[in-house]
PDB file of N, CA and C in Angstrom:
ATOM      1  N   UNK A   1    -146.386  67.978 116.088  1.00  0.00           N
ATOM      2  CA  UNK A   1    -145.554  68.368 114.801  1.00  0.00           C
ATOM      3  C   UNK A   1    -145.676  67.258 113.650  1.00  0.00           C
ATOM      4  N   UNK A   2    -145.755  67.746 112.545  1.00  0.00           N
ATOM      5  CA  UNK A   2    -146.112  66.887 111.406  1.00  0.00           C
ATOM      6  C   UNK A   2    -144.786  66.718 110.628  1.00  0.00           C
ATOM      7  N   UNK A   3    -144.211  65.704 110.240  1.00  0.00           N
ATOM      8  CA  UNK A   3    -143.045  65.428 109.386  1.00  0.00           C
ATOM      9  C   UNK A   3    -143.483  65.327 107.916  1.00  0.00           C
ATOM     10  N   UNK A   4    -142.718  65.442 107.066  1.00  0.00           N
ATOM     11  CA  UNK A   4    -142.840  65.393 105.662  1.00  0.00           C
ATOM     12  C   UNK A   4    -143.167  63.863 105.099  1.00  0.00           C
ATOM     13  N   UNK A   5    -142.672  62.918 106.063  1.00  0.00           N
ATOM     14  CA  UNK A   5    -143.072  61.556 105.806  1.00  0.00           C
ATOM     15  C   UNK A   5    -144.564  61.196 106.269  1.00  0.00           C
ATOM     16  N   UNK A   6    -144.892  61.971 107.247  1.00  0.00           N
ATOM     17  CA  UNK A   6    -146.393  61.735 107.718  1.00  0.00           C
ATOM     18  C   UNK A   6    -147.316  62.354 106.614  1.00  0.00           C
ATOM     19  N   UNK A   7    -147.037  63.095 105.919  1.00  0.00           N
ATOM     20  CA  UNK A   7    -148.179  63.864 105.024  1.00  0.00           C
ATOM     21  C   UNK A   7    -147.897  63.380 103.670  1.00  0.00           C
ATOM     22  N   UNK A   8    -146.821  62.940 103.378  1.00  0.00           N
ATOM     23  CA  UNK A   8    -146.687  62.345 101.938  1.00  0.00           C
ATOM     24  C   UNK A   8    -147.559  61.152 101.549  1.00  0.00           C
ATOM     25  N   UNK A   9    -148.121  61.287 100.281  1.00  0.00           N
ATOM     26  CA  UNK A   9    -148.771  59.993  99.848  1.00  0.00           C
ATOM     27  C   UNK A   9    -150.273  59.975 100.376  1.00  0.00           C
ATOM     28  N   UNK A  10    -150.639  60.889 101.346  1.00  0.00           N
ATOM     29  CA  UNK A  10    -152.093  61.014 101.728  1.00  0.00           C
ATOM     30  C   UNK A  10    -152.821  61.455 100.584  1.00  0.00           C
ATOM     31  N   UNK A  11    -154.133  61.271 100.571  1.00  0.00           N
ATOM     32  CA  UNK A  11    -154.926  61.775  99.527  1.00  0.00           C
ATOM     33  C   UNK A  11    -155.590  63.099 100.095  1.00  0.00           C
ATOM     34  N   UNK A  12    -155.679  64.129  99.206  1.00  0.00           N
ATOM     35  CA  UNK A  12    -156.151  65.401  99.386  1.00  0.00           C
ATOM     36  C   UNK A  12    -157.504  65.319  98.884  1.00  0.00           C
ATOM     37  N   UNK A  13    -158.451  65.827  99.868  1.00  0.00           N
ATOM     38  CA  UNK A  13    -159.908  66.028  99.595  1.00  0.00           C
ATOM     39  C   UNK A  13    -160.433  67.320  99.815  1.00  0.00           C
ATOM     40  N   UNK A  14    -161.042  67.889  98.926  1.00  0.00           N
ATOM     41  CA  UNK A  14    -161.374  69.282  98.692  1.00  0.00           C
ATOM     42  C   UNK A  14    -162.756  69.154  99.607  1.00  0.00           C
ATOM     43  N   UNK A  15    -162.714  69.840 100.674  1.00  0.00           N
ATOM     44  CA  UNK A  15    -163.949  69.871 101.507  1.00  0.00           C
ATOM     45  C   UNK A  15    -165.071  70.931 100.917  1.00  0.00           C
ATOM     46  N   UNK A  16    -164.786  71.684  99.898  1.00  0.00           N
ATOM     47  CA  UNK A  16    -165.750  72.627  99.105  1.00  0.00           C
ATOM     48  C   UNK A  16    -166.711  71.634  98.337  1.00  0.00           C
ATOM     49  N   UNK A  17    -166.205  70.679  97.817  1.00  0.00           N
ATOM     50  CA  UNK A  17    -167.132  69.790  97.015  1.00  0.00           C
ATOM     51  C   UNK A  17    -167.004  68.299  97.227  1.00  0.00           C
ATOM     52  N   UNK A  18    -166.143  67.935  98.035  1.00  0.00           N
ATOM     53  CA  UNK A  18    -165.862  66.507  98.431  1.00  0.00           C
ATOM     54  C   UNK A  18    -165.122  65.670  97.499  1.00  0.00           C
ATOM     55  N   UNK A  19    -164.567  66.514  96.445  1.00  0.00           N
ATOM     56  CA  UNK A  19    -163.850  65.552  95.347  1.00  0.00           C
ATOM     57  C   UNK A  19    -162.367  65.213  95.931  1.00  0.00           C
ATOM     58  N   UNK A  20    -161.827  64.299  95.224  1.00  0.00           N
ATOM     59  CA  UNK A  20    -160.136  64.199  95.677  1.00  0.00           C
ATOM     60  C   UNK A  20    -159.489  64.828  94.597  1.00  0.00           C
ATOM     61  N   UNK A  21    -158.369  65.557  95.101  1.00  0.00           N
ATOM     62  CA  UNK A  21    -157.692  66.321  94.372  1.00  0.00           C
ATOM     63  C   UNK A  21    -156.302  65.680  93.935  1.00  0.00           C
ATOM     64  N   UNK A  22    -156.228  64.387  94.516  1.00  0.00           N
ATOM     65  CA  UNK A  22    -155.068  63.654  94.237  1.00  0.00           C
ATOM     66  C   UNK A  22    -154.211  63.402  95.660  1.00  0.00           C
ATOM     67  N   UNK A  23    -153.009  63.103  95.304  1.00  0.00           N
ATOM     68  CA  UNK A  23    -152.242  62.724  96.403  1.00  0.00           C
ATOM     69  C   UNK A  23    -151.013  63.532  96.763  1.00  0.00           C
ATOM     70  N   UNK A  24    -150.712  63.838  97.936  1.00  0.00           N
ATOM     71  CA  UNK A  24    -149.567  64.732  98.333  1.00  0.00           C
ATOM     72  C   UNK A  24    -148.152  63.904  97.755  1.00  0.00           C
ATOM     73  N   UNK A  25    -147.512  64.675  96.819  1.00  0.00           N
ATOM     74  CA  UNK A  25    -146.235  64.068  96.153  1.00  0.00           C
ATOM     75  C   UNK A  25    -145.087  64.949  96.837  1.00  0.00           C
ATOM     76  N   UNK A  26    -145.307  66.122  97.137  1.00  0.00           N
ATOM     77  CA  UNK A  26    -144.117  66.970  97.637  1.00  0.00           C
ATOM     78  C   UNK A  26    -144.774  68.222  98.489  1.00  0.00           C
ATOM     79  N   UNK A  27    -143.724  68.862  98.909  1.00  0.00           N
ATOM     80  CA  UNK A  27    -144.098  69.999  99.770  1.00  0.00           C
ATOM     81  C   UNK A  27    -143.285  71.258  99.033  1.00  0.00           C
ATOM     82  N   UNK A  28    -143.954  72.458  99.160  1.00  0.00           N
ATOM     83  CA  UNK A  28    -143.361  73.562  98.808  1.00  0.00           C
ATOM     84  C   UNK A  28    -142.779  74.348 100.141  1.00  0.00           C
ATOM     85  N   UNK A  29    -141.573  74.650 100.144  1.00  0.00           N
ATOM     86  CA  UNK A  29    -141.075  75.040 101.311  1.00  0.00           C
ATOM     87  C   UNK A  29    -140.270  76.327 100.981  1.00  0.00           C
ATOM     88  N   UNK A  30    -140.363  77.352 101.982  1.00  0.00           N
ATOM     89  CA  UNK A  30    -139.608  78.549 101.992  1.00  0.00           C
ATOM     90  C   UNK A  30    -138.423  78.249 102.856  1.00  0.00           C
ATOM     91  N   UNK A  31    -137.159  77.887 102.222  1.00  0.00           N
ATOM     92  CA  UNK A  31    -135.930  77.644 103.027  1.00  0.00           C
ATOM     93  C   UNK A  31    -135.671  78.739 103.944  1.00  0.00           C
ATOM     94  N   UNK A  32    -135.640  79.983 103.466  1.00  0.00           N
ATOM     95  CA  UNK A  32    -135.102  81.126 104.256  1.00  0.00           C
ATOM     96  C   UNK A  32    -135.889  81.284 105.533  1.00  0.00           C
ATOM     97  N   UNK A  33    -137.279  81.120 105.204  1.00  0.00           N
ATOM     98  CA  UNK A  33    -138.174  81.359 106.703  1.00  0.00           C
ATOM     99  C   UNK A  33    -138.342  79.999 107.221  1.00  0.00           C
ATOM    100  N   UNK A  34    -138.059  78.873 106.675  1.00  0.00           N
ATOM    101  CA  UNK A  34    -138.298  77.473 107.327  1.00  0.00           C
ATOM    102  C   UNK A  34    -139.625  77.360 107.550  1.00  0.00           C
ATOM    103  N   UNK A  35    -140.485  77.665 106.596  1.00  0.00           N
ATOM    104  CA  UNK A  35    -141.895  77.304 106.763  1.00  0.00           C
ATOM    105  C   UNK A  35    -142.603  76.658 105.568  1.00  0.00           C
ATOM    106  N   UNK A  36    -143.563  75.832 105.702  1.00  0.00           N
ATOM    107  CA  UNK A  36    -144.148  75.071 104.494  1.00  0.00           C
ATOM    108  C   UNK A  36    -145.082  76.082 103.799  1.00  0.00           C
ATOM    109  N   UNK A  37    -145.059  76.305 102.459  1.00  0.00           N
ATOM    110  CA  UNK A  37    -145.844  77.281 101.719  1.00  0.00           C
ATOM    111  C   UNK A  37    -147.020  76.447 101.087  1.00  0.00           C
ATOM    112  N   UNK A  38    -146.925  75.130 100.779  1.00  0.00           N
ATOM    113  CA  UNK A  38    -148.056  74.486 100.232  1.00  0.00           C
ATOM    114  C   UNK A  38    -147.837  73.086  99.944  1.00  0.00           C
ATOM    115  N   UNK A  39    -148.808  72.335  99.668  1.00  0.00           N
ATOM    116  CA  UNK A  39    -148.708  70.990  99.283  1.00  0.00           C
ATOM    117  C   UNK A  39    -148.632  70.724  97.639  1.00  0.00           C
ATOM    118  N   UNK A  40    -147.865  69.873  97.128  1.00  0.00           N
ATOM    119  CA  UNK A  40    -147.828  69.718  95.821  1.00  0.00           C
ATOM    120  C   UNK A  40    -148.535  68.458  95.274  1.00  0.00           C
ATOM    121  N   UNK A  41    -149.555  68.357  94.461  1.00  0.00           N
ATOM    122  CA  UNK A  41    -149.989  67.250  94.133  1.00  0.00           C
ATOM    123  C   UNK A  41    -149.860  67.154  92.621  1.00  0.00           C
ATOM    124  N   UNK A  42    -149.140  66.138  92.170  1.00  0.00           N
ATOM    125  CA  UNK A  42    -148.760  66.108  90.638  1.00  0.00           C
ATOM    126  C   UNK A  42    -150.092  65.695  89.956  1.00  0.00           C
ATOM    127  N   UNK A  43    -149.887  66.224  88.612  1.00  0.00           N
ATOM    128  CA  UNK A  43    -151.054  65.994  87.755  1.00  0.00           C
ATOM    129  C   UNK A  43    -151.251  64.473  87.530  1.00  0.00           C
ATOM    130  N   UNK A  44    -152.522  64.177  87.354  1.00  0.00           N
ATOM    131  CA  UNK A  44    -152.874  62.777  86.945  1.00  0.00           C
ATOM    132  C   UNK A  44    -152.529  62.513  85.623  1.00  0.00           C
ATOM    133  N   UNK A  45    -151.672  61.454  85.312  1.00  0.00           N
ATOM    134  CA  UNK A  45    -151.359  61.127  83.962  1.00  0.00           C
ATOM    135  C   UNK A  45    -152.376  60.384  83.394  1.00  0.00           C
ATOM    136  N   UNK A  46    -152.660  60.794  82.071  1.00  0.00           N
ATOM    137  CA  UNK A  46    -153.743  60.153  81.400  1.00  0.00           C
ATOM    138  C   UNK A  46    -153.344  58.836  80.634  1.00  0.00           C
ATOM    139  N   UNK A  47    -154.265  57.902  80.396  1.00  0.00           N
ATOM    140  CA  UNK A  47    -153.879  56.643  79.871  1.00  0.00           C
ATOM    141  C   UNK A  47    -152.986  56.744  78.624  1.00  0.00           C
ATOM    142  N   UNK A  48    -153.508  57.664  77.546  1.00  0.00           N
ATOM    143  CA  UNK A  48    -153.006  57.909  76.423  1.00  0.00           C
ATOM    144  C   UNK A  48    -152.293  59.304  76.463  1.00  0.00           C
ATOM    145  N   UNK A  49    -151.069  59.358  76.496  1.00  0.00           N
ATOM    146  CA  UNK A  49    -150.384  60.671  76.486  1.00  0.00           C
ATOM    147  C   UNK A  49    -150.884  61.764  75.477  1.00  0.00           C
ATOM    148  N   UNK A  50    -151.086  61.348  74.407  1.00  0.00           N
ATOM    149  CA  UNK A  50    -151.405  62.340  73.452  1.00  0.00           C
ATOM    150  C   UNK A  50    -152.882  63.124  73.757  1.00  0.00           C
ATOM    151  N   UNK A  51    -153.685  62.516  74.523  1.00  0.00           N
ATOM    152  CA  UNK A  51    -154.657  63.233  75.141  1.00  0.00           C
ATOM    153  C   UNK A  51    -154.473  64.508  75.878  1.00  0.00           C
ATOM    154  N   UNK A  52    -153.107  64.453  76.435  1.00  0.00           N
ATOM    155  CA  UNK A  52    -152.711  65.638  77.247  1.00  0.00           C
ATOM    156  C   UNK A  52    -152.911  65.174  78.736  1.00  0.00           C
ATOM    157  N   UNK A  53    -152.518  66.304  79.396  1.00  0.00           N
ATOM    158  CA  UNK A  53    -152.482  65.844  80.981  1.00  0.00           C
ATOM    159  C   UNK A  53    -152.930  67.014  81.666  1.00  0.00           C
ATOM    160  N   UNK A  54    -153.552  66.809  83.021  1.00  0.00           N
ATOM    161  CA  UNK A  54    -153.640  68.032  83.813  1.00  0.00           C
ATOM    162  C   UNK A  54    -152.511  68.666  84.281  1.00  0.00           C
ATOM    163  N   UNK A  55    -152.480  69.756  84.908  1.00  0.00           N
ATOM    164  CA  UNK A  55    -151.338  70.603  85.342  1.00  0.00           C
ATOM    165  C   UNK A  55    -151.209  70.240  86.840  1.00  0.00           C
ATOM    166  N   UNK A  56    -150.095  70.010  87.398  1.00  0.00           N
ATOM    167  CA  UNK A  56    -149.593  70.048  88.655  1.00  0.00           C
ATOM    168  C   UNK A  56    -150.240  71.041  89.471  1.00  0.00           C
ATOM    169  N   UNK A  57    -150.717  70.773  90.859  1.00  0.00           N
ATOM    170  CA  UNK A  57    -151.292  71.722  91.749  1.00  0.00           C
ATOM    171  C   UNK A  57    -150.637  71.979  92.965  1.00  0.00           C
ATOM    172  N   UNK A  58    -150.667  73.220  93.409  1.00  0.00           N
ATOM    173  CA  UNK A  58    -150.061  73.589  94.574  1.00  0.00           C
ATOM    174  C   UNK A  58    -151.158  74.080  95.504  1.00  0.00           C
ATOM    175  N   UNK A  59    -151.275  73.419  96.624  1.00  0.00           N
ATOM    176  CA  UNK A  59    -152.362  73.719  97.656  1.00  0.00           C
ATOM    177  C   UNK A  59    -151.654  74.669  98.554  1.00  0.00           C
ATOM    178  N   UNK A  60    -152.099  75.888  98.752  1.00  0.00           N
ATOM    179  CA  UNK A  60    -151.609  76.819  99.633  1.00  0.00           C
ATOM    180  C   UNK A  60    -151.723  76.484 101.179  1.00  0.00           C
ATOM    181  N   UNK A  61    -150.738  76.369 101.981  1.00  0.00           N
ATOM    182  CA  UNK A  61    -150.806  75.904 103.386  1.00  0.00           C
ATOM    183  C   UNK A  61    -152.165  76.402 104.096  1.00  0.00           C
ATOM    184  N   UNK A  62    -152.301  77.822 103.795  1.00  0.00           N
ATOM    185  CA  UNK A  62    -153.559  78.288 104.310  1.00  0.00           C
ATOM    186  C   UNK A  62    -154.869  77.680 104.106  1.00  0.00           C
ATOM    187  N   UNK A  63    -154.919  76.998 103.012  1.00  0.00           N
ATOM    188  CA  UNK A  63    -156.158  76.391 102.642  1.00  0.00           C
ATOM    189  C   UNK A  63    -156.305  75.010 103.068  1.00  0.00           C
ATOM    190  N   UNK A  64    -155.312  74.313 103.906  1.00  0.00           N
ATOM    191  CA  UNK A  64    -155.198  73.033 104.509  1.00  0.00           C
ATOM    192  C   UNK A  64    -156.080  73.246 105.818  1.00  0.00           C
ATOM    193  N   UNK A  65    -157.043  72.419 105.954  1.00  0.00           N
ATOM    194  CA  UNK A  65    -157.869  72.644 107.222  1.00  0.00           C
ATOM    195  C   UNK A  65    -157.492  71.564 108.245  1.00  0.00           C
ATOM    196  N   UNK A  66    -157.232  70.310 107.706  1.00  0.00           N
ATOM    197  CA  UNK A  66    -156.889  69.195 108.717  1.00  0.00           C
ATOM    198  C   UNK A  66    -156.043  68.161 108.065  1.00  0.00           C
ATOM    199  N   UNK A  67    -155.029  67.731 108.713  1.00  0.00           N
ATOM    200  CA  UNK A  67    -154.127  66.514 108.262  1.00  0.00           C
ATOM    201  C   UNK A  67    -154.592  65.318 109.059  1.00  0.00           C
ATOM    202  N   UNK A  68    -155.229  64.562 108.621  1.00  0.00           N
ATOM    203  CA  UNK A  68    -155.806  63.410 109.408  1.00  0.00           C
ATOM    204  C   UNK A  68    -154.775  62.183 109.186  1.00  0.00           C
ATOM    205  N   UNK A  69    -155.321  61.210 109.764  1.00  0.00           N
ATOM    206  CA  UNK A  69    -154.312  59.825 109.779  1.00  0.00           C
ATOM    207  C   UNK A  69    -154.339  59.179 108.322  1.00  0.00           C
ATOM    208  N   UNK A  70    -155.498  59.541 107.540  1.00  0.00           N
ATOM    209  CA  UNK A  70    -155.509  58.825 106.111  1.00  0.00           C
ATOM    210  C   UNK A  70    -155.561  60.034 105.135  1.00  0.00           C
ATOM    211  N   UNK A  71    -156.133  61.050 105.312  1.00  0.00           N
ATOM    212  CA  UNK A  71    -156.321  62.001 104.369  1.00  0.00           C
ATOM    213  C   UNK A  71    -155.981  63.513 104.782  1.00  0.00           C
ATOM    214  N   UNK A  72    -155.803  64.425 103.840  1.00  0.00           N
ATOM    215  CA  UNK A  72    -155.564  65.845 104.100  1.00  0.00           C
ATOM    216  C   UNK A  72    -156.824  66.425 103.450  1.00  0.00           C
ATOM    217  N   UNK A  73    -157.395  67.330 104.373  1.00  0.00           N
ATOM    218  CA  UNK A  73    -158.629  68.149 104.040  1.00  0.00           C
ATOM    219  C   UNK A  73    -158.277  69.564 103.667  1.00  0.00           C
ATOM    220  N   UNK A  74    -158.712  70.044 102.550  1.00  0.00           N
ATOM    221  CA  UNK A  74    -158.408  71.268 101.994  1.00  0.00           C
ATOM    222  C   UNK A  74    -159.622  72.011 101.497  1.00  0.00           C
ATOM    223  N   UNK A  75    -159.769  73.341 101.756  1.00  0.00           N
ATOM    224  CA  UNK A  75    -160.873  74.181 101.509  1.00  0.00           C
ATOM    225  C   UNK A  75    -160.574  74.872 100.085  1.00  0.00           C
ATOM    226  N   UNK A  76    -160.945  74.413  98.995  1.00  0.00           N
ATOM    227  CA  UNK A  76    -160.385  75.172  97.699  1.00  0.00           C
ATOM    228  C   UNK A  76    -161.696  75.205  96.867  1.00  0.00           C
ATOM    229  N   UNK A  77    -162.526  76.152  97.120  1.00  0.00           N
ATOM    230  CA  UNK A  77    -163.693  76.558  96.075  1.00  0.00           C
ATOM    231  C   UNK A  77    -163.092  76.694  94.744  1.00  0.00           C
ATOM    232  N   UNK A  78    -162.057  77.377  94.567  1.00  0.00           N
ATOM    233  CA  UNK A  78    -161.593  77.657  93.269  1.00  0.00           C
ATOM    234  C   UNK A  78    -161.217  76.604  92.463  1.00  0.00           C
ATOM    235  N   UNK A  79    -160.947  75.477  92.978  1.00  0.00           N
ATOM    236  CA  UNK A  79    -160.412  74.375  92.382  1.00  0.00           C
ATOM    237  C   UNK A  79    -161.641  73.536  91.944  1.00  0.00           C
ATOM    238  N   UNK A  80    -162.855  73.845  92.196  1.00  0.00           N
ATOM    239  CA  UNK A  80    -163.972  73.027  91.925  1.00  0.00           C
ATOM    240  C   UNK A  80    -164.212  73.050  90.298  1.00  0.00           C
ATOM    241  N   UNK A  81    -164.358  71.826  89.673  1.00  0.00           N
ATOM    242  CA  UNK A  81    -164.478  71.833  88.172  1.00  0.00           C
ATOM    243  C   UNK A  81    -165.850  71.585  87.930  1.00  0.00           C
ATOM    244  N   UNK A  82    -166.753  71.270  88.686  1.00  0.00           N
ATOM    245  CA  UNK A  82    -168.052  71.057  88.295  1.00  0.00           C
ATOM    246  C   UNK A  82    -169.013  71.969  88.889  1.00  0.00           C
ATOM    247  N   UNK A  83    -170.275  71.670  88.821  1.00  0.00           N
ATOM    248  CA  UNK A  83    -171.377  72.622  89.464  1.00  0.00           C
ATOM    249  C   UNK A  83    -171.034  72.915  91.031  1.00  0.00           C
ATOM    250  N   UNK A  84    -171.482  73.837  91.638  1.00  0.00           N
ATOM    251  CA  UNK A  84    -171.295  74.056  93.041  1.00  0.00           C
ATOM    252  C   UNK A  84    -172.031  72.786  93.911  1.00  0.00           C
ATOM    253  N   UNK A  85    -171.403  72.603  95.092  1.00  0.00           N
ATOM    254  CA  UNK A  85    -171.864  71.355  95.844  1.00  0.00           C
ATOM    255  C   UNK A  85    -173.319  71.817  96.315  1.00  0.00           C
ATOM    256  N   UNK A  86    -174.042  70.802  96.642  1.00  0.00           N
ATOM    257  CA  UNK A  86    -175.328  70.687  97.058  1.00  0.00           C
ATOM    258  C   UNK A  86    -175.368  71.064  98.610  1.00  0.00           C
ATOM    259  N   UNK A  87    -175.921  72.034  99.261  1.00  0.00           N
ATOM    260  CA  UNK A  87    -175.866  72.158 100.821  1.00  0.00           C
ATOM    261  C   UNK A  87    -176.808  71.251 101.133  1.00  0.00           C
ATOM    262  N   UNK A  88    -176.414  70.494 102.076  1.00  0.00           N
ATOM    263  CA  UNK A  88    -177.316  69.564 102.833  1.00  0.00           C
ATOM    264  C   UNK A  88    -177.789  70.242 104.431  1.00  0.00           C
ATOM    265  N   UNK A  89    -178.907  70.879 104.322  1.00  0.00           N
ATOM    266  CA  UNK A  89    -179.412  71.507 105.560  1.00  0.00           C
ATOM    267  C   UNK A  89    -180.658  70.897 105.780  1.00  0.00           C
ATOM    268  N   UNK A  90    -180.882  69.895 106.488  1.00  0.00           N
ATOM    269  CA  UNK A  90    -182.365  69.658 106.575  1.00  0.00           C
ATOM    270  C   UNK A  90    -183.178  70.628 107.557  1.00  0.00           C
ATOM    271  N   UNK A  91    -184.281  70.918 107.210  1.00  0.00           N
ATOM    272  CA  UNK A  91    -184.942  71.728 108.030  1.00  0.00           C
ATOM    273  C   UNK A  91    -185.297  71.302 109.327  1.00  0.00           C
ATOM    274  N   UNK A  92    -185.200  72.268 110.307  1.00  0.00           N
ATOM    275  CA  UNK A  92    -185.656  71.853 111.592  1.00  0.00           C
ATOM    276  C   UNK A  92    -187.016  71.344 111.853  1.00  0.00           C
ATOM    277  N   UNK A  93    -187.231  70.630 112.843  1.00  0.00           N
ATOM    278  CA  UNK A  93    -188.513  70.040 113.130  1.00  0.00           C
ATOM    279  C   UNK A  93    -189.681  71.043 113.161  1.00  0.00           C
ATOM    280  N   UNK A  94    -189.389  72.105 113.819  1.00  0.00           N
ATOM    281  CA  UNK A  94    -190.481  73.269 113.754  1.00  0.00           C
ATOM    282  C   UNK A  94    -190.615  73.925 112.433  1.00  0.00           C
ATOM    283  N   UNK A  95    -189.747  73.818 111.673  1.00  0.00           N
ATOM    284  CA  UNK A  95    -189.841  74.594 110.379  1.00  0.00           C
ATOM    285  C   UNK A  95    -190.555  73.680 109.381  1.00  0.00           C
ATOM    286  N   UNK A  96    -190.439  72.395 109.535  1.00  0.00           N
ATOM    287  CA  UNK A  96    -190.950  71.488 108.430  1.00  0.00           C
ATOM    288  C   UNK A  96    -192.378  71.447 108.487  1.00  0.00           C
ATOM    289  N   UNK A  97    -193.148  71.998 109.656  1.00  0.00           N
ATOM    290  CA  UNK A  97    -194.516  71.742 109.458  1.00  0.00           C
ATOM    291  C   UNK A  97    -195.226  70.634 110.037  1.00  0.00           C
ATOM    292  N   UNK A  98    -194.328  69.534 110.292  1.00  0.00           N
ATOM    293  CA  UNK A  98    -194.620  68.403 111.112  1.00  0.00           C
ATOM    294  C   UNK A  98    -194.628  68.424 112.473  1.00  0.00           C
ATOM    295  N   UNK A  99    -195.524  68.085 113.028  1.00  0.00           N
ATOM    296  CA  UNK A  99    -195.541  68.213 114.686  1.00  0.00           C
ATOM    297  C   UNK A  99    -195.312  66.823 115.188  1.00  0.00           C
ATOM    298  N   UNK A 100    -194.551  66.664 116.197  1.00  0.00           N
ATOM    299  CA  UNK A 100    -194.201  65.362 116.688  1.00  0.00           C
ATOM    300  C   UNK A 100    -195.441  64.776 117.434  1.00  0.00           C
ATOM    301  N   UNK A 101    -195.873  63.615 117.457  1.00  0.00           N
ATOM    302  CA  UNK A 101    -196.925  63.277 117.886  1.00  0.00           C
ATOM    303  C   UNK A 101    -196.488  62.043 118.950  1.00  0.00           C
ATOM    304  N   UNK A 102    -196.896  62.122 120.304  1.00  0.00           N
ATOM    305  CA  UNK A 102    -196.629  61.011 121.331  1.00  0.00           C
ATOM    306  C   UNK A 102    -197.750  60.090 121.364  1.00  0.00           C
TER     307      UNK A 102
END
């Protein structure tokens, strides 16, 4: 079982694109049912406040894939802010046209 102290301040990594989403600052909990609804990541504050700031993000618990010792992995394709990630699937040896020589 994971406690709130175990998960707070862990970095959240989006496994969709490998980007850091920030750090877990709080949990969204349904007190009536006693279940965690999501992780709250506060917006990153910019150096000059008049440039604005990002919005706080709630990562639904269903999107959390793994809580590790150092980081939380979440699958959030909709949170990607840039181009889609590059798929890294090297061709198999027989597909590459190169035969192994002994």
